[in-house]
């Protein structure tokens, strides 16, 4: 190998090393944060509360939407999805109890039909 080719090869390696060393590896800044904190930092400026945000949405479509538009990684999108669904599932359970109680009151009927006059 000629000295010019060796120098050229060393120069290419030096340039690759210099640019590769100065370029930082992309980091997920949301990694390891709990879901309520993720919501507070990224969603609370537009949404006052997490209640109702997952209502009527499928788990997978909500995850894909959050991953594409609002989160910095798949793990934070999954955490936000689970958090929003847990908030809404607690609301649905509370909403079902009063409905059952109200139907019990309306199911009271007289023992026999009222005679016609």
Protein backbone atom coordinates (compact mmCIF):
# COMPACT_ATOMS: atom_id res chain seq x y z
CA UNK A 1 0.00 0.00 0.00
CA UNK A 2 1.33 3.39 -0.91
CA UNK A 3 1.90 6.07 1.74
CA UNK A 4 -0.70 8.35 0.11
CA UNK A 5 -3.42 5.68 0.37
CA UNK A 6 -2.51 4.99 3.99
CA UNK A 7 -2.70 8.70 4.84
CA UNK A 8 -6.02 9.01 3.05
CA UNK A 9 -7.38 6.02 4.97
CA UNK A 10 -6.16 7.45 8.28
CA UNK A 11 -7.70 10.80 7.40
CA UNK A 12 -11.07 9.16 6.67
CA UNK A 13 -10.90 7.23 9.96
CA UNK A 14 -10.02 10.41 11.84
CA UNK A 15 -12.98 12.28 10.33
CA UNK A 16 -15.36 9.42 11.14
CA UNK A 17 -14.05 9.25 14.70
CA UNK A 18 -14.27 13.01 15.16
CA UNK A 19 -17.84 13.30 13.92
CA UNK A 20 -18.99 10.13 15.66
CA UNK A 21 -17.48 11.20 18.97
CA UNK A 22 -19.08 14.63 18.97
CA UNK A 23 -22.56 13.44 17.96
CA UNK A 24 -24.46 12.44 21.06
CA UNK A 25 -26.65 9.36 21.03
CA UNK A 26 -30.32 10.32 21.12
CA UNK A 27 -31.73 9.94 24.61
CA UNK A 28 -35.28 9.48 25.75
CA UNK A 29 -35.69 12.28 28.27
CA UNK A 30 -38.99 10.83 29.52
CA UNK A 31 -37.56 7.41 30.30
CA UNK A 32 -38.17 6.32 33.88
CA UNK A 33 -40.65 9.09 34.71
CA UNK A 34 -43.99 8.05 36.22
CA UNK A 35 -47.05 8.53 34.03
CA UNK A 36 -48.68 11.25 36.20
CA UNK A 37 -45.50 13.31 35.86
CA UNK A 38 -45.44 12.73 32.09
CA UNK A 39 -49.03 13.98 31.90
CA UNK A 40 -48.22 17.01 34.04
CA UNK A 41 -45.21 17.97 31.91
CA UNK A 42 -46.58 17.38 28.43
CA UNK A 43 -50.39 17.31 28.52
CA UNK A 44 -51.54 19.51 31.40
CA UNK A 45 -50.94 22.73 29.48
CA UNK A 46 -53.90 21.88 27.21
CA UNK A 47 -55.86 19.33 29.27
CA UNK A 48 -56.81 20.32 32.80
CA UNK A 49 -57.45 16.73 33.86
CA UNK A 50 -56.65 13.25 32.53
CA UNK A 51 -60.29 12.23 32.99
CA UNK A 52 -62.14 11.44 29.80
CA UNK A 53 -59.13 11.51 27.48
CA UNK A 54 -59.14 7.72 26.93
CA UNK A 55 -62.92 7.38 26.90
CA UNK A 56 -64.19 5.56 23.84
CA UNK A 57 -60.73 4.79 22.47
CA UNK A 58 -59.13 1.41 21.97
CA UNK A 59 -55.94 0.71 23.91
CA UNK A 60 -53.80 0.24 20.79
CA UNK A 61 -55.09 3.28 18.88
CA UNK A 62 -54.60 5.53 21.91
CA UNK A 63 -51.04 4.20 22.29
CA UNK A 64 -50.22 4.76 18.61
CA UNK A 65 -51.67 8.28 18.70
CA UNK A 66 -49.69 9.25 21.79
CA UNK A 67 -46.52 7.69 20.41
CA UNK A 68 -46.79 9.55 17.11
CA UNK A 69 -47.84 12.97 18.39
CA UNK A 70 -47.03 13.50 22.06
CA UNK A 71 -44.40 11.20 23.53
CA UNK A 72 -40.68 10.86 23.01
CA UNK A 73 -40.68 7.07 22.96
CA UNK A 74 -42.74 3.94 22.98
CA UNK A 75 -42.29 3.32 26.71
CA UNK A 76 -43.59 6.76 27.67
CA UNK A 77 -46.52 6.41 25.23
CA UNK A 78 -47.39 3.06 26.79
CA UNK A 79 -47.17 4.50 30.30
CA UNK A 80 -49.41 7.44 29.37
CA UNK A 81 -51.91 5.08 27.71
CA UNK A 82 -52.11 2.87 30.78
CA UNK A 83 -52.41 5.89 33.07
CA UNK A 84 -55.22 7.51 31.07
CA UNK A 85 -57.14 4.24 30.88
CA UNK A 86 -56.74 3.59 34.60
CA UNK A 87 -58.15 7.05 35.35
CA UNK A 88 -61.14 6.49 33.08
CA UNK A 89 -61.79 2.93 34.23
CA UNK A 90 -62.08 4.19 37.81
CA UNK A 91 -64.61 6.77 36.60
CA UNK A 92 -66.67 4.14 34.76
CA UNK A 93 -66.89 1.92 37.81
CA UNK A 94 -68.14 4.82 39.92
CA UNK A 95 -70.69 5.77 37.26
CA UNK A 96 -72.20 2.29 37.13
CA UNK A 97 -73.08 2.13 40.82
CA UNK A 98 -75.55 5.07 40.90
CA UNK A 99 -77.30 3.75 37.78
CA UNK A 100 -77.94 0.42 39.48
CA UNK A 101 -79.32 2.21 42.53
CA UNK A 102 -81.60 4.42 40.42
CA UNK A 103 -83.03 1.43 38.53
CA UNK A 104 -83.80 -0.28 41.82
CA UNK A 105 -85.99 2.67 42.87
CA UNK A 106 -87.89 2.78 39.58
CA UNK A 107 -88.55 -0.97 39.60
CA UNK A 108 -91.08 -0.57 42.44
CA UNK A 109 -94.54 -1.29 41.03
CA UNK A 110 -97.90 -1.82 42.56
CA UNK A 111 -98.70 -5.48 43.23
CA UNK A 112 -101.65 -5.55 40.82
CA UNK A 113 -102.71 -3.52 37.79
CA UNK A 114 -104.78 -0.44 38.53
CA UNK A 115 -108.43 -1.10 37.56
CA UNK A 116 -109.81 1.04 34.75
CA UNK A 117 -112.84 3.26 35.50
